[in-house]
Amino acid sequence: SDAEPIAPQDLSLVSPVILTRNEVDVRLRAARADERAGNYRAALQRLVDIEATSLDVSLLKARLHARAGEFERSNELLLAIGESSLDAEASFWLGYGRFNLQQWQPAVIALQRAANLNSSDVMNSLYLGLALQQVGDYRGSIDAFHHVRSLQPDMPEVAFNTGISWWALGEKQRAYGAFHHFMRITDGQREAYADQRRRV
């Protein structure tokens, strides 16, 4: 007969890939190695046949999606776990995703939780400060930036954004002080911070 074969429309007829525990562990280790190397999509590809049935796999997939810029998918995975049960790292990735989706107030909530659970992580407080700026809470953002500065005194992003918040509050002298600090600590990194230096 000249009839062409027809692919099954019912995907339940297609046998799923069944991996042994050892095969899953090997893929998870390889995915984490890809993540460390910055190969987020390759890492996700390794996990395509692994269901997010464990917390560890769900968090890894969510983090990889966020790092790959797939914030909506990342947040779906994290919210399926339940926002109130997320640890500091997962709360950060949820807040980071919301921040990048410009969901400012939900970002503040997740990042505040991350900062409360782990106040020694610079990124938690840095992104909390940035999100607070977006909702107009400049005093709150300054508090978050000062906390970061207590952990890492010469972080250019903190100096620059502290200046922005002071400026928004009409505190020009304090803004000048923060901007002066920014210019001093980025003097050897003029190209990396060229846009911000021009703005100052």
C-alpha atoms as a PDB file:
ATOM      1  CA  SER A   1       0.000   0.000   0.000  1.00  0.00           C
ATOM      2  CA  ASP A   2       1.046   3.608  -0.618  1.00  0.00           C
ATOM      3  CA  ALA A   3      -0.321   4.809   2.728  1.00  0.00           C
ATOM      4  CA  GLU A   4       2.167   6.611   4.951  1.00  0.00           C
ATOM      5  CA  PRO A   5       2.535   5.562   8.570  1.00  0.00           C
ATOM      6  CA  ILE A   6       0.633   7.674  11.070  1.00  0.00           C
ATOM      7  CA  ALA A   7       2.228   8.755  14.346  1.00  0.00           C
ATOM      8  CA  PRO A   8       0.060   8.098  17.383  1.00  0.00           C
ATOM      9  CA  GLN A   9      -1.918  11.153  18.448  1.00  0.00           C
ATOM     10  CA  ASP A  10      -2.388   9.789  21.943  1.00  0.00           C
ATOM     11  CA  LEU A  11       0.969  10.366  23.634  1.00  0.00           C
ATOM     12  CA  SER A  12       0.003   7.945  26.393  1.00  0.00           C
ATOM     13  CA  LEU A  13       0.761   5.233  23.837  1.00  0.00           C
ATOM     14  CA  VAL A  14       4.400   6.368  23.766  1.00  0.00           C
ATOM     15  CA  SER A  15       6.440   4.636  26.461  1.00  0.00           C
ATOM     16  CA  PRO A  16       7.973   7.069  28.968  1.00  0.00           C
ATOM     17  CA  VAL A  17      11.702   6.964  29.605  1.00  0.00           C
ATOM     18  CA  ILE A  18      12.268   5.099  32.846  1.00  0.00           C
ATOM     19  CA  LEU A  19      15.521   5.939  34.556  1.00  0.00           C
ATOM     20  CA  THR A  20      17.164   4.028  37.376  1.00  0.00           C
ATOM     21  CA  ARG A  21      18.053   5.892  40.567  1.00  0.00           C
ATOM     22  CA  ASN A  22      21.713   5.714  39.530  1.00  0.00           C
ATOM     23  CA  GLU A  23      20.934   7.233  36.100  1.00  0.00           C
ATOM     24  CA  VAL A  24      18.996  10.044  37.782  1.00  0.00           C
ATOM     25  CA  ASP A  25      21.910  10.737  40.155  1.00  0.00           C
ATOM     26  CA  VAL A  26      24.376  10.827  37.254  1.00  0.00           C
ATOM     27  CA  ARG A  27      22.189  13.313  35.367  1.00  0.00           C
ATOM     28  CA  LEU A  28      21.725  15.490  38.441  1.00  0.00           C
ATOM     29  CA  ARG A  29      25.494  15.647  39.019  1.00  0.00           C
ATOM     30  CA  ALA A  30      26.088  16.465  35.340  1.00  0.00           C
ATOM     31  CA  ALA A  31      23.371  19.155  35.417  1.00  0.00           C
ATOM     32  CA  ARG A  32      24.967  20.764  38.476  1.00  0.00           C
ATOM     33  CA  ALA A  33      28.356  20.709  36.720  1.00  0.00           C
ATOM     34  CA  ASP A  34      26.745  22.383  33.679  1.00  0.00           C
ATOM     35  CA  GLU A  35      25.228  24.993  35.989  1.00  0.00           C
ATOM     36  CA  ARG A  36      28.611  25.769  37.569  1.00  0.00           C
ATOM     37  CA  ALA A  37      30.010  26.199  34.035  1.00  0.00           C
ATOM     38  CA  GLY A  38      27.156  28.574  33.113  1.00  0.00           C
ATOM     39  CA  ASN A  39      25.539  26.104  30.684  1.00  0.00           C
ATOM     40  CA  TYR A  40      21.998  26.454  32.035  1.00  0.00           C
ATOM     41  CA  ARG A  41      20.126  25.203  28.968  1.00  0.00           C
ATOM     42  CA  ALA A  42      22.399  22.159  28.702  1.00  0.00           C
ATOM     43  CA  ALA A  43      21.718  21.450  32.373  1.00  0.00           C
ATOM     44  CA  LEU A  44      17.958  21.707  31.797  1.00  0.00           C
ATOM     45  CA  GLN A  45      18.234  19.371  28.813  1.00  0.00           C
ATOM     46  CA  ARG A  46      19.834  16.743  31.056  1.00  0.00           C
ATOM     47  CA  LEU A  47      16.819  16.969  33.365  1.00  0.00           C
ATOM     48  CA  VAL A  48      14.100  16.816  30.702  1.00  0.00           C
ATOM     49  CA  ASP A  49      13.194  13.181  31.513  1.00  0.00           C
ATOM     50  CA  ILE A  50      13.391  13.663  35.272  1.00  0.00           C
ATOM     51  CA  GLU A  51      10.120  14.571  36.951  1.00  0.00           C
ATOM     52  CA  ALA A  52      10.222  17.311  39.561  1.00  0.00           C
ATOM     53  CA  THR A  53       8.888  14.937  42.190  1.00  0.00           C
ATOM     54  CA  SER A  54      11.496  15.679  44.841  1.00  0.00           C
ATOM     55  CA  LEU A  55      12.167  19.060  46.419  1.00  0.00           C
ATOM     56  CA  ASP A  56      15.813  18.843  45.364  1.00  0.00           C
ATOM     57  CA  VAL A  57      14.948  18.338  41.678  1.00  0.00           C
ATOM     58  CA  SER A  58      12.226  21.025  41.745  1.00  0.00           C
ATOM     59  CA  LEU A  59      14.587  23.596  43.231  1.00  0.00           C
ATOM     60  CA  LEU A  60      17.366  22.719  40.781  1.00  0.00           C
ATOM     61  CA  LYS A  61      15.031  23.024  37.799  1.00  0.00           C
ATOM     62  CA  ALA A  62      13.568  26.294  39.093  1.00  0.00           C
ATOM     63  CA  ARG A  63      17.015  27.780  39.639  1.00  0.00           C
ATOM     64  CA  LEU A  64      18.169  26.706  36.164  1.00  0.00           C
ATOM     65  CA  HIS A  65      15.079  28.186  34.521  1.00  0.00           C
ATOM     66  CA  ALA A  66      15.668  31.471  36.363  1.00  0.00           C
ATOM     67  CA  ARG A  67      19.328  31.549  35.366  1.00  0.00           C
ATOM     68  CA  ALA A  68      18.305  30.854  31.765  1.00  0.00           C
ATOM     69  CA  GLY A  69      15.916  33.830  31.883  1.00  0.00           C
ATOM     70  CA  GLU A  70      12.780  31.661  31.958  1.00  0.00           C
ATOM     71  CA  PHE A  71      11.320  33.400  34.987  1.00  0.00           C
ATOM     72  CA  GLU A  72       7.681  32.384  34.563  1.00  0.00           C
ATOM     73  CA  ARG A  73       8.583  28.669  34.397  1.00  0.00           C
ATOM     74  CA  SER A  74      10.915  29.044  37.370  1.00  0.00           C
ATOM     75  CA  ASN A  75       8.197  30.704  39.441  1.00  0.00           C
ATOM     76  CA  GLU A  76       5.645  28.036  38.466  1.00  0.00           C
ATOM     77  CA  LEU A  77       7.923  25.332  39.853  1.00  0.00           C
ATOM     78  CA  LEU A  78       8.609  27.264  43.054  1.00  0.00           C
ATOM     79  CA  LEU A  79       4.964  28.151  43.668  1.00  0.00           C
ATOM     80  CA  ALA A  80       4.017  24.479  43.176  1.00  0.00           C
ATOM     81  CA  ILE A  81       6.180  23.743  46.218  1.00  0.00           C
ATOM     82  CA  GLY A  82       4.386  26.435  48.214  1.00  0.00           C
ATOM     83  CA  GLU A  83       5.773  29.883  48.901  1.00  0.00           C
ATOM     84  CA  SER A  84       5.573  29.622  52.684  1.00  0.00           C
ATOM     85  CA  SER A  85       7.662  26.440  52.713  1.00  0.00           C
ATOM     86  CA  LEU A  86      10.519  27.786  50.567  1.00  0.00           C
ATOM     87  CA  ASP A  87      13.952  28.128  52.142  1.00  0.00           C
ATOM     88  CA  ALA A  88      16.134  31.233  51.759  1.00  0.00           C
ATOM     89  CA  GLU A  89      17.677  30.197  48.445  1.00  0.00           C
ATOM     90  CA  ALA A  90      14.354  29.225  46.850  1.00  0.00           C
ATOM     91  CA  SER A  91      12.740  32.426  48.165  1.00  0.00           C
ATOM     92  CA  PHE A  92      15.556  34.405  46.550  1.00  0.00           C
ATOM     93  CA  TRP A  93      14.990  32.738  43.159  1.00  0.00           C
ATOM     94  CA  LEU A  94      11.246  33.357  43.421  1.00  0.00           C
ATOM     95  CA  GLY A  95      11.902  37.025  44.250  1.00  0.00           C
ATOM     96  CA  TYR A  96      14.518  37.273  41.503  1.00  0.00           C
ATOM     97  CA  GLY A  97      12.042  35.892  38.977  1.00  0.00           C
ATOM     98  CA  ARG A  98       9.324  38.278  40.115  1.00  0.00           C
ATOM     99  CA  PHE A  99      11.796  41.174  40.010  1.00  0.00           C
ATOM    100  CA  ASN A 100      12.713  40.364  36.407  1.00  0.00           C
ATOM    101  CA  LEU A 101       9.020  40.047  35.525  1.00  0.00           C
ATOM    102  CA  GLN A 102       8.526  43.506  37.088  1.00  0.00           C
ATOM    103  CA  GLN A 103       6.177  42.127  39.723  1.00  0.00           C
ATOM    104  CA  TRP A 104       7.584  44.533  42.283  1.00  0.00           C
ATOM    105  CA  GLN A 105       5.459  44.007  45.393  1.00  0.00           C
ATOM    106  CA  PRO A 106       5.467  40.182  45.151  1.00  0.00           C
ATOM    107  CA  ALA A 107       9.246  40.425  44.586  1.00  0.00           C
ATOM    108  CA  VAL A 108       9.597  42.440  47.798  1.00  0.00           C
ATOM    109  CA  ILE A 109       7.673  39.775  49.733  1.00  0.00           C
ATOM    110  CA  ALA A 110       9.808  36.881  48.470  1.00  0.00           C
ATOM    111  CA  LEU A 111      13.097  38.772  48.830  1.00  0.00           C
ATOM    112  CA  GLN A 112      12.212  39.961  52.337  1.00  0.00           C
ATOM    113  CA  ARG A 113      11.595  36.330  53.268  1.00  0.00           C
ATOM    114  CA  ALA A 114      14.942  35.326  51.748  1.00  0.00           C
ATOM    115  CA  ALA A 115      16.749  38.122  53.626  1.00  0.00           C
ATOM    116  CA  ASN A 116      15.026  37.195  56.901  1.00  0.00           C
ATOM    117  CA  LEU A 117      15.963  33.527  56.497  1.00  0.00           C
ATOM    118  CA  ASN A 118      19.563  34.274  55.505  1.00  0.00           C
ATOM    119  CA  SER A 119      20.748  37.777  56.344  1.00  0.00           C
ATOM    120  CA  SER A 120      24.361  36.958  55.489  1.00  0.00           C
ATOM    121  CA  ASP A 121      23.634  36.455  51.778  1.00  0.00           C
ATOM    122  CA  VAL A 122      24.504  39.679  49.983  1.00  0.00           C
ATOM    123  CA  MET A 123      22.257  38.996  46.984  1.00  0.00           C
ATOM    124  CA  ASN A 124      19.134  38.606  49.146  1.00  0.00           C
ATOM    125  CA  SER A 125      19.501  42.107  50.571  1.00  0.00           C
ATOM    126  CA  LEU A 126      20.797  43.677  47.348  1.00  0.00           C
ATOM    127  CA  TYR A 127      17.766  42.561  45.332  1.00  0.00           C
ATOM    128  CA  LEU A 128      15.462  43.414  48.234  1.00  0.00           C
ATOM    129  CA  GLY A 129      16.836  46.968  48.121  1.00  0.00           C
ATOM    130  CA  LEU A 130      16.358  47.159  44.358  1.00  0.00           C
ATOM    131  CA  ALA A 131      12.771  45.892  44.625  1.00  0.00           C
ATOM    132  CA  LEU A 132      12.004  48.356  47.435  1.00  0.00           C
ATOM    133  CA  GLN A 133      13.225  51.187  45.168  1.00  0.00           C
ATOM    134  CA  GLN A 134      10.743  50.054  42.530  1.00  0.00           C
ATOM    135  CA  VAL A 135       7.815  50.292  44.949  1.00  0.00           C
ATOM    136  CA  GLY A 136       8.992  53.715  46.164  1.00  0.00           C
ATOM    137  CA  ASP A 137      10.201  52.593  49.607  1.00  0.00           C
ATOM    138  CA  TYR A 138      13.508  54.463  49.412  1.00  0.00           C
ATOM    139  CA  ARG A 139      14.198  54.412  53.154  1.00  0.00           C
ATOM    140  CA  GLY A 140      13.661  50.653  53.184  1.00  0.00           C
ATOM    141  CA  SER A 141      15.964  50.288  50.198  1.00  0.00           C
ATOM    142  CA  ILE A 142      18.676  52.302  51.972  1.00  0.00           C
ATOM    143  CA  ASP A 143      18.373  50.017  55.009  1.00  0.00           C
ATOM    144  CA  ALA A 144      18.789  46.970  52.752  1.00  0.00           C
ATOM    145  CA  PHE A 145      21.780  48.551  50.968  1.00  0.00           C
ATOM    146  CA  HIS A 146      23.409  49.505  54.287  1.00  0.00           C
ATOM    147  CA  HIS A 147      23.069  45.884  55.389  1.00  0.00           C
ATOM    148  CA  VAL A 148      24.812  44.755  52.205  1.00  0.00           C
ATOM    149  CA  ARG A 149      27.511  47.369  52.752  1.00  0.00           C
ATOM    150  CA  SER A 150      28.129  45.989  56.245  1.00  0.00           C
ATOM    151  CA  LEU A 151      28.858  42.619  54.613  1.00  0.00           C
ATOM    152  CA  GLN A 152      30.641  43.849  51.486  1.00  0.00           C
ATOM    153  CA  PRO A 153      31.744  47.489  51.871  1.00  0.00           C
ATOM    154  CA  ASP A 154      32.848  48.301  48.341  1.00  0.00           C
ATOM    155  CA  MET A 155      30.131  46.828  46.143  1.00  0.00           C
ATOM    156  CA  PRO A 156      29.541  49.321  43.292  1.00  0.00           C
ATOM    157  CA  GLU A 157      25.870  48.400  42.834  1.00  0.00           C
ATOM    158  CA  VAL A 158      25.190  49.216  46.473  1.00  0.00           C
ATOM    159  CA  ALA A 159      26.964  52.592  46.409  1.00  0.00           C
ATOM    160  CA  PHE A 160      25.228  53.629  43.176  1.00  0.00           C
ATOM    161  CA  ASN A 161      21.732  52.572  44.266  1.00  0.00           C
ATOM    162  CA  THR A 162      22.149  54.080  47.724  1.00  0.00           C
ATOM    163  CA  GLY A 163      22.826  57.371  45.947  1.00  0.00           C
ATOM    164  CA  ILE A 164      19.690  56.964  43.842  1.00  0.00           C
ATOM    165  CA  SER A 165      17.563  56.334  46.921  1.00  0.00           C
ATOM    166  CA  TRP A 166      19.004  59.297  48.835  1.00  0.00           C
ATOM    167  CA  TRP A 167      18.436  61.491  45.756  1.00  0.00           C
ATOM    168  CA  ALA A 168      14.808  60.323  45.498  1.00  0.00           C
ATOM    169  CA  LEU A 169      14.322  61.333  49.160  1.00  0.00           C
ATOM    170  CA  GLY A 170      15.724  64.794  48.441  1.00  0.00           C
ATOM    171  CA  GLU A 171      18.842  64.121  50.547  1.00  0.00           C
ATOM    172  CA  LYS A 172      21.283  65.560  47.989  1.00  0.00           C
ATOM    173  CA  GLN A 173      24.370  65.667  50.264  1.00  0.00           C
ATOM    174  CA  ARG A 174      23.967  62.028  51.240  1.00  0.00           C
ATOM    175  CA  ALA A 175      23.381  61.159  47.583  1.00  0.00           C
ATOM    176  CA  TYR A 176      26.595  62.994  46.617  1.00  0.00           C
ATOM    177  CA  GLY A 177      28.466  61.036  49.287  1.00  0.00           C
ATOM    178  CA  ALA A 178      27.199  57.712  47.948  1.00  0.00           C
ATOM    179  CA  PHE A 179      27.931  58.700  44.357  1.00  0.00           C
ATOM    180  CA  HIS A 180      31.435  59.868  45.319  1.00  0.00           C
ATOM    181  CA  HIS A 181      32.031  56.458  46.944  1.00  0.00           C
ATOM    182  CA  PHE A 182      30.741  54.781  43.770  1.00  0.00           C
ATOM    183  CA  MET A 183      33.102  56.794  41.557  1.00  0.00           C
ATOM    184  CA  ARG A 184      36.053  56.005  43.815  1.00  0.00           C
ATOM    185  CA  ILE A 185      35.480  52.235  43.954  1.00  0.00           C
ATOM    186  CA  THR A 186      34.809  51.937  40.214  1.00  0.00           C
ATOM    187  CA  ASP A 187      37.807  54.009  39.145  1.00  0.00           C
ATOM    188  CA  GLY A 188      39.659  50.887  37.994  1.00  0.00           C
ATOM    189  CA  GLN A 189      36.512  49.481  36.346  1.00  0.00           C
ATOM    190  CA  ARG A 190      35.488  52.433  34.201  1.00  0.00           C
ATOM    191  CA  GLU A 191      34.400  50.325  31.244  1.00  0.00           C
ATOM    192  CA  ALA A 192      32.297  47.881  33.292  1.00  0.00           C
ATOM    193  CA  TYR A 193      30.401  50.748  34.961  1.00  0.00           C
ATOM    194  CA  ALA A 194      30.544  53.284  32.098  1.00  0.00           C
ATOM    195  CA  ASP A 195      26.763  53.898  31.958  1.00  0.00           C
ATOM    196  CA  GLN A 196      26.428  54.426  35.714  1.00  0.00           C
ATOM    197  CA  ARG A 197      29.514  56.647  35.818  1.00  0.00           C
ATOM    198  CA  ARG A 198      28.047  58.821  33.047  1.00  0.00           C
ATOM    199  CA  ARG A 199      24.772  59.117  34.975  1.00  0.00           C
ATOM    200  CA  VAL A 200      26.628  60.242  38.102  1.00  0.00           C
END
